[in-house]
Amino acid sequence: DFVWETAEGCVVVDYKTTKANRDALLNK
């Protein structure tokens, strides 16, 4: 989805679409 290339290296960001809350995202 998104790769931000900096002088130090790359940052990878993947976008996810959900209306779930933070607790649900962190619940196995």
PDB file of all heavy atoms in Angstrom:
ATOM      1  N   ASP A   1       0.821  -1.208   0.000  1.00  0.00           N
ATOM      2  CA  ASP A   1       0.000   0.000   0.000  1.00  0.00           C
ATOM      3  C   ASP A   1       0.856   1.260   0.000  1.00  0.00           C
ATOM      4  O   ASP A   1       0.615   2.184  -0.763  1.00  0.00           O
ATOM      5  CB  ASP A   1      -0.943   0.025   1.213  1.00  0.00           C
ATOM      6  CG  ASP A   1      -2.049  -1.003   1.095  1.00  0.00           C
ATOM      7  OD1 ASP A   1      -2.401  -1.395  -0.031  1.00  0.00           O
ATOM      8  OD2 ASP A   1      -2.567  -1.421   2.145  1.00  0.00           O
ATOM      9  N   PHE A   2       1.865   1.286   0.873  1.00  0.00           N
ATOM     10  CA  PHE A   2       2.683   2.485   0.993  1.00  0.00           C
ATOM     11  C   PHE A   2       4.072   2.110   1.493  1.00  0.00           C
ATOM     12  O   PHE A   2       4.202   1.379   2.471  1.00  0.00           O
ATOM     13  CB  PHE A   2       2.026   3.463   1.980  1.00  0.00           C
ATOM     14  CG  PHE A   2       2.766   4.753   2.155  1.00  0.00           C
ATOM     15  CD1 PHE A   2       2.740   5.733   1.171  1.00  0.00           C
ATOM     16  CD2 PHE A   2       3.496   4.992   3.305  1.00  0.00           C
ATOM     17  CE1 PHE A   2       3.419   6.931   1.339  1.00  0.00           C
ATOM     18  CE2 PHE A   2       4.175   6.183   3.483  1.00  0.00           C
ATOM     19  CZ  PHE A   2       4.140   7.157   2.501  1.00  0.00           C
ATOM     20  N   VAL A   3       5.085   2.586   0.794  1.00  0.00           N
ATOM     21  CA  VAL A   3       6.465   2.418   1.232  1.00  0.00           C
ATOM     22  C   VAL A   3       7.094   3.798   1.257  1.00  0.00           C
ATOM     23  O   VAL A   3       7.150   4.485   0.232  1.00  0.00           O
ATOM     24  CB  VAL A   3       7.271   1.489   0.297  1.00  0.00           C
ATOM     25  CG1 VAL A   3       8.720   1.396   0.762  1.00  0.00           C
ATOM     26  CG2 VAL A   3       6.642   0.114   0.234  1.00  0.00           C
ATOM     27  N   TRP A   4       7.528   4.202   2.428  1.00  0.00           N
ATOM     28  CA  TRP A   4       8.177   5.502   2.600  1.00  0.00           C
ATOM     29  C   TRP A   4       9.670   5.250   2.665  1.00  0.00           C
ATOM     30  O   TRP A   4      10.162   4.638   3.604  1.00  0.00           O
ATOM     31  CB  TRP A   4       7.669   6.163   3.873  1.00  0.00           C
ATOM     32  CG  TRP A   4       8.293   7.477   4.206  1.00  0.00           C
ATOM     33  CD1 TRP A   4       8.900   8.360   3.369  1.00  0.00           C
ATOM     34  CD2 TRP A   4       8.354   8.062   5.507  1.00  0.00           C
ATOM     35  NE1 TRP A   4       9.329   9.460   4.060  1.00  0.00           N
ATOM     36  CE2 TRP A   4       9.008   9.305   5.381  1.00  0.00           C
ATOM     37  CE3 TRP A   4       7.917   7.657   6.763  1.00  0.00           C
ATOM     38  CZ2 TRP A   4       9.241  10.136   6.459  1.00  0.00           C
ATOM     39  CZ3 TRP A   4       8.145   8.494   7.842  1.00  0.00           C
ATOM     40  CH2 TRP A   4       8.789   9.718   7.685  1.00  0.00           C
ATOM     41  N   GLU A   5      10.386   5.702   1.642  1.00  0.00           N
ATOM     42  CA  GLU A   5      11.821   5.479   1.593  1.00  0.00           C
ATOM     43  C   GLU A   5      12.539   6.699   2.163  1.00  0.00           C
ATOM     44  O   GLU A   5      12.400   7.806   1.641  1.00  0.00           O
ATOM     45  CB  GLU A   5      12.275   5.200   0.164  1.00  0.00           C
ATOM     46  CG  GLU A   5      13.685   4.680   0.091  1.00  0.00           C
ATOM     47  CD  GLU A   5      14.050   4.066  -1.252  1.00  0.00           C
ATOM     48  OE1 GLU A   5      13.186   4.040  -2.148  1.00  0.00           O
ATOM     49  OE2 GLU A   5      15.185   3.611  -1.389  1.00  0.00           O
ATOM     50  N   THR A   6      13.289   6.489   3.232  1.00  0.00           N
ATOM     51  CA  THR A   6      14.041   7.551   3.883  1.00  0.00           C
ATOM     52  C   THR A   6      15.534   7.294   3.686  1.00  0.00           C
ATOM     53  O   THR A   6      15.928   6.249   3.164  1.00  0.00           O
ATOM     54  CB  THR A   6      13.738   7.610   5.397  1.00  0.00           C
ATOM     55  OG1 THR A   6      14.362   6.480   6.033  1.00  0.00           O
ATOM     56  CG2 THR A   6      12.242   7.596   5.681  1.00  0.00           C
ATOM     57  N   ALA A   7      16.344   8.221   4.146  1.00  0.00           N
ATOM     58  CA  ALA A   7      17.795   8.042   4.059  1.00  0.00           C
ATOM     59  C   ALA A   7      18.251   6.841   4.890  1.00  0.00           C
ATOM     60  O   ALA A   7      19.251   6.198   4.579  1.00  0.00           O
ATOM     61  CB  ALA A   7      18.505   9.310   4.523  1.00  0.00           C
ATOM     62  N   GLU A   8      17.508   6.505   5.953  1.00  0.00           N
ATOM     63  CA  GLU A   8      17.877   5.390   6.840  1.00  0.00           C
ATOM     64  C   GLU A   8      17.350   4.049   6.358  1.00  0.00           C
ATOM     65  O   GLU A   8      17.844   2.995   6.752  1.00  0.00           O
ATOM     66  CB  GLU A   8      17.368   5.649   8.267  1.00  0.00           C
ATOM     67  CG  GLU A   8      18.049   6.800   8.978  1.00  0.00           C
ATOM     68  CD  GLU A   8      17.467   8.162   8.575  1.00  0.00           C
ATOM     69  OE1 GLU A   8      16.274   8.223   8.208  1.00  0.00           O
ATOM     70  OE2 GLU A   8      18.218   9.136   8.598  1.00  0.00           O
ATOM     71  N   GLY A   9      16.311   4.053   5.558  1.00  0.00           N
ATOM     72  CA  GLY A   9      15.696   2.821   5.094  1.00  0.00           C
ATOM     73  C   GLY A   9      14.221   3.030   4.788  1.00  0.00           C
ATOM     74  O   GLY A   9      13.733   4.152   4.776  1.00  0.00           O
ATOM     75  N   CYS A  10      13.510   1.937   4.564  1.00  0.00           N
ATOM     76  CA  CYS A  10      12.100   1.988   4.174  1.00  0.00           C
ATOM     77  C   CYS A  10      11.167   1.704   5.350  1.00  0.00           C
ATOM     78  O   CYS A  10      11.457   0.873   6.206  1.00  0.00           O
ATOM     79  CB  CYS A  10      11.822   0.957   3.086  1.00  0.00           C
ATOM     80  SG  CYS A  10      12.684   1.273   1.546  1.00  0.00           S
ATOM     81  N   VAL A  11      10.039   2.385   5.324  1.00  0.00           N
ATOM     82  CA  VAL A  11       8.949   2.131   6.258  1.00  0.00           C
ATOM     83  C   VAL A  11       7.775   1.612   5.433  1.00  0.00           C
ATOM     84  O   VAL A  11       7.349   2.263   4.473  1.00  0.00           O
ATOM     85  CB  VAL A  11       8.541   3.416   7.011  1.00  0.00           C
ATOM     86  CG1 VAL A  11       7.361   3.148   7.924  1.00  0.00           C
ATOM     87  CG2 VAL A  11       9.727   3.986   7.787  1.00  0.00           C
ATOM     88  N   VAL A  12       7.279   0.434   5.788  1.00  0.00           N
ATOM     89  CA  VAL A  12       6.163  -0.199   5.087  1.00  0.00           C
ATOM     90  C   VAL A  12       4.887   0.053   5.881  1.00  0.00           C
ATOM     91  O   VAL A  12       4.839  -0.203   7.090  1.00  0.00           O
ATOM     92  CB  VAL A  12       6.390  -1.721   4.949  1.00  0.00           C
ATOM     93  CG1 VAL A  12       5.212  -2.387   4.262  1.00  0.00           C
ATOM     94  CG2 VAL A  12       7.686  -2.004   4.205  1.00  0.00           C
ATOM     95  N   VAL A  13       3.862   0.556   5.202  1.00  0.00           N
ATOM     96  CA  VAL A  13       2.565   0.793   5.841  1.00  0.00           C
ATOM     97  C   VAL A  13       1.492   0.092   5.014  1.00  0.00           C
ATOM     98  O   VAL A  13       1.372   0.335   3.813  1.00  0.00           O
ATOM     99  CB  VAL A  13       2.232   2.298   5.941  1.00  0.00           C
ATOM    100  CG1 VAL A  13       0.886   2.510   6.635  1.00  0.00           C
ATOM    101  CG2 VAL A  13       3.341   3.058   6.656  1.00  0.00           C
ATOM    102  N   ASP A  14       0.736  -0.794   5.655  1.00  0.00           N
ATOM    103  CA  ASP A  14      -0.368  -1.472   4.991  1.00  0.00           C
ATOM    104  C   ASP A  14      -1.668  -0.958   5.592  1.00  0.00           C
ATOM    105  O   ASP A  14      -1.813  -0.905   6.811  1.00  0.00           O
ATOM    106  CB  ASP A  14      -0.258  -2.992   5.159  1.00  0.00           C
ATOM    107  CG  ASP A  14      -1.167  -3.712   4.198  1.00  0.00           C
ATOM    108  OD1 ASP A  14      -0.950  -3.570   2.979  1.00  0.00           O
ATOM    109  OD2 ASP A  14      -2.096  -4.391   4.654  1.00  0.00           O
ATOM    110  N   TYR A  15      -2.600  -0.564   4.734  1.00  0.00           N
ATOM    111  CA  TYR A  15      -3.876  -0.023   5.181  1.00  0.00           C
ATOM    112  C   TYR A  15      -4.899  -1.140   5.340  1.00  0.00           C
ATOM    113  O   TYR A  15      -4.987  -2.024   4.494  1.00  0.00           O
ATOM    114  CB  TYR A  15      -4.416   0.989   4.166  1.00  0.00           C
ATOM    115  CG  TYR A  15      -3.522   2.174   3.957  1.00  0.00           C
ATOM    116  CD1 TYR A  15      -2.552   2.173   2.968  1.00  0.00           C
ATOM    117  CD2 TYR A  15      -3.639   3.298   4.758  1.00  0.00           C
ATOM    118  CE1 TYR A  15      -1.723   3.266   2.769  1.00  0.00           C
ATOM    119  CE2 TYR A  15      -2.812   4.390   4.575  1.00  0.00           C
ATOM    120  CZ  TYR A  15      -1.863   4.372   3.575  1.00  0.00           C
ATOM    121  OH  TYR A  15      -1.045   5.448   3.391  1.00  0.00           O
ATOM    122  N   LYS A  16      -5.673  -1.073   6.402  1.00  0.00           N
ATOM    123  CA  LYS A  16      -6.747  -2.039   6.649  1.00  0.00           C
ATOM    124  C   LYS A  16      -8.026  -1.265   6.931  1.00  0.00           C
ATOM    125  O   LYS A  16      -8.012  -0.247   7.627  1.00  0.00           O
ATOM    126  CB  LYS A  16      -6.427  -2.929   7.858  1.00  0.00           C
ATOM    127  CG  LYS A  16      -5.150  -3.743   7.701  1.00  0.00           C
ATOM    128  CD  LYS A  16      -5.272  -4.733   6.563  1.00  0.00           C
ATOM    129  CE  LYS A  16      -3.998  -5.539   6.393  1.00  0.00           C
ATOM    130  NZ  LYS A  16      -3.972  -6.265   5.136  1.00  0.00           N
ATOM    131  N   THR A  17      -9.132  -1.741   6.392  1.00  0.00           N
ATOM    132  CA  THR A  17     -10.405  -1.070   6.621  1.00  0.00           C
ATOM    133  C   THR A  17     -11.289  -1.942   7.491  1.00  0.00           C
ATOM    134  O   THR A  17     -11.633  -3.070   7.126  1.00  0.00           O
ATOM    135  CB  THR A  17     -11.129  -0.766   5.296  1.00  0.00           C
ATOM    136  OG1 THR A  17     -11.248  -1.970   4.546  1.00  0.00           O
ATOM    137  CG2 THR A  17     -10.346   0.247   4.468  1.00  0.00           C
ATOM    138  N   THR A  18     -11.612  -1.429   8.641  1.00  0.00           N
ATOM    139  CA  THR A  18     -12.533  -2.078   9.565  1.00  0.00           C
ATOM    140  C   THR A  18     -13.048  -1.013  10.521  1.00  0.00           C
ATOM    141  O   THR A  18     -12.390  -0.010  10.754  1.00  0.00           O
ATOM    142  CB  THR A  18     -11.854  -3.215  10.353  1.00  0.00           C
ATOM    143  OG1 THR A  18     -12.830  -3.829  11.208  1.00  0.00           O
ATOM    144  CG2 THR A  18     -10.698  -2.729  11.189  1.00  0.00           C
ATOM    145  N   LYS A  19     -14.218  -1.256  11.051  1.00  0.00           N
ATOM    146  CA  LYS A  19     -14.763  -0.359  12.069  1.00  0.00           C
ATOM    147  C   LYS A  19     -14.550  -0.935  13.467  1.00  0.00           C
ATOM    148  O   LYS A  19     -15.041  -0.401  14.439  1.00  0.00           O
ATOM    149  CB  LYS A  19     -16.247  -0.120  11.809  1.00  0.00           C
ATOM    150  CG  LYS A  19     -16.498   0.665  10.543  1.00  0.00           C
ATOM    151  CD  LYS A  19     -17.973   0.921  10.342  1.00  0.00           C
ATOM    152  CE  LYS A  19     -18.188   1.669   9.044  1.00  0.00           C
ATOM    153  NZ  LYS A  19     -19.602   1.919   8.795  1.00  0.00           N
ATOM    154  N   ALA A  20     -13.781  -2.024  13.535  1.00  0.00           N
ATOM    155  CA  ALA A  20     -13.512  -2.661  14.834  1.00  0.00           C
ATOM    156  C   ALA A  20     -12.738  -1.704  15.730  1.00  0.00           C
ATOM    157  O   ALA A  20     -11.957  -0.878  15.258  1.00  0.00           O
ATOM    158  CB  ALA A  20     -12.715  -3.938  14.630  1.00  0.00           C
ATOM    159  N   ASN A  21     -12.948  -1.831  17.021  1.00  0.00           N
ATOM    160  CA  ASN A  21     -12.236  -0.956  17.959  1.00  0.00           C
ATOM    161  C   ASN A  21     -10.859  -1.509  18.284  1.00  0.00           C
ATOM    162  O   ASN A  21     -10.507  -2.629  17.920  1.00  0.00           O
ATOM    163  CB  ASN A  21     -13.064  -0.721  19.228  1.00  0.00           C
ATOM    164  CG  ASN A  21     -13.303  -1.986  20.020  1.00  0.00           C
ATOM    165  OD1 ASN A  21     -12.489  -2.905  20.014  1.00  0.00           O
ATOM    166  ND2 ASN A  21     -14.429  -2.049  20.691  1.00  0.00           N
ATOM    167  N   ARG A  22     -10.077  -0.705  18.982  1.00  0.00           N
ATOM    168  CA  ARG A  22      -8.701  -1.046  19.319  1.00  0.00           C
ATOM    169  C   ARG A  22      -8.620  -2.375  20.068  1.00  0.00           C
ATOM    170  O   ARG A  22      -7.748  -3.198  19.809  1.00  0.00           O
ATOM    171  CB  ARG A  22      -8.097   0.089  20.156  1.00  0.00           C
ATOM    172  CG  ARG A  22      -6.660  -0.128  20.538  1.00  0.00           C
ATOM    173  CD  ARG A  22      -6.166   1.047  21.392  1.00  0.00           C
ATOM    174  NE  ARG A  22      -4.791   0.887  21.773  1.00  0.00           N
ATOM    175  CZ  ARG A  22      -4.377   0.201  22.826  1.00  0.00           C
ATOM    176  NH1 ARG A  22      -5.234  -0.402  23.610  1.00  0.00           N
ATOM    177  NH2 ARG A  22      -3.093   0.100  23.103  1.00  0.00           N
ATOM    178  N   ASP A  23      -9.514  -2.591  21.009  1.00  0.00           N
ATOM    179  CA  ASP A  23      -9.493  -3.831  21.787  1.00  0.00           C
ATOM    180  C   ASP A  23      -9.669  -5.056  20.892  1.00  0.00           C
ATOM    181  O   ASP A  23      -8.992  -6.069  21.069  1.00  0.00           O
ATOM    182  CB  ASP A  23     -10.565  -3.805  22.875  1.00  0.00           C
ATOM    183  CG  ASP A  23     -10.261  -2.796  23.969  1.00  0.00           C
ATOM    184  OD1 ASP A  23      -9.077  -2.436  24.158  1.00  0.00           O
ATOM    185  OD2 ASP A  23     -11.214  -2.342  24.631  1.00  0.00           O
ATOM    186  N   ALA A  24     -10.566  -4.970  19.918  1.00  0.00           N
ATOM    187  CA  ALA A  24     -10.786  -6.093  19.005  1.00  0.00           C
ATOM    188  C   ALA A  24      -9.559  -6.333  18.142  1.00  0.00           C
ATOM    189  O   ALA A  24      -9.188  -7.478  17.882  1.00  0.00           O
ATOM    190  CB  ALA A  24     -12.003  -5.822  18.126  1.00  0.00           C
ATOM    191  N   LEU A  25      -8.900  -5.264  17.709  1.00  0.00           N
ATOM    192  CA  LEU A  25      -7.708  -5.399  16.875  1.00  0.00           C
ATOM    193  C   LEU A  25      -6.579  -6.110  17.613  1.00  0.00           C
ATOM    194  O   LEU A  25      -5.778  -6.813  17.000  1.00  0.00           O
ATOM    195  CB  LEU A  25      -7.218  -4.026  16.411  1.00  0.00           C
ATOM    196  CG  LEU A  25      -8.164  -3.248  15.496  1.00  0.00           C
ATOM    197  CD1 LEU A  25      -7.610  -1.853  15.250  1.00  0.00           C
ATOM    198  CD2 LEU A  25      -8.392  -3.983  14.194  1.00  0.00           C
ATOM    199  N   LEU A  26      -6.510  -5.940  18.913  1.00  0.00           N
ATOM    200  CA  LEU A  26      -5.435  -6.518  19.710  1.00  0.00           C
ATOM    201  C   LEU A  26      -5.810  -7.841  20.374  1.00  0.00           C
ATOM    202  O   LEU A  26      -4.991  -8.442  21.059  1.00  0.00           O
ATOM    203  CB  LEU A  26      -4.973  -5.506  20.766  1.00  0.00           C
ATOM    204  CG  LEU A  26      -4.431  -4.192  20.201  1.00  0.00           C
ATOM    205  CD1 LEU A  26      -4.078  -3.227  21.322  1.00  0.00           C
ATOM    206  CD2 LEU A  26      -3.246  -4.418  19.288  1.00  0.00           C
ATOM    207  N   ASN A  27      -7.024  -8.312  20.140  1.00  0.00           N
ATOM    208  CA  ASN A  27      -7.515  -9.545  20.746  1.00  0.00           C
ATOM    209  C   ASN A  27      -7.299 -10.717  19.786  1.00  0.00           C
ATOM    210  O   ASN A  27      -7.891 -10.775  18.708  1.00  0.00           O
ATOM    211  CB  ASN A  27      -9.002  -9.392  21.084  1.00  0.00           C
ATOM    212  CG  ASN A  27      -9.564 -10.598  21.780  1.00  0.00           C
ATOM    213  OD1 ASN A  27      -9.068 -11.707  21.654  1.00  0.00           O
ATOM    214  ND2 ASN A  27     -10.629 -10.382  22.523  1.00  0.00           N
ATOM    215  N   LYS A  28      -6.474 -11.681  20.200  1.00  0.00           N
ATOM    216  CA  LYS A  28      -6.159 -12.831  19.351  1.00  0.00           C
ATOM    217  C   LYS A  28      -7.385 -13.649  18.965  1.00  0.00           C
ATOM    218  O   LYS A  28      -7.353 -14.381  17.987  1.00  0.00           O
ATOM    219  CB  LYS A  28      -5.148 -13.750  20.048  1.00  0.00           C
ATOM    220  CG  LYS A  28      -3.777 -13.174  20.146  1.00  0.00           C
ATOM    221  CD  LYS A  28      -2.825 -14.148  20.806  1.00  0.00           C
ATOM    222  CE  LYS A  28      -1.438 -13.551  20.940  1.00  0.00           C
ATOM    223  NZ  LYS A  28      -0.508 -14.486  21.565  1.00  0.00           N
TER     224      LYS A  28
END
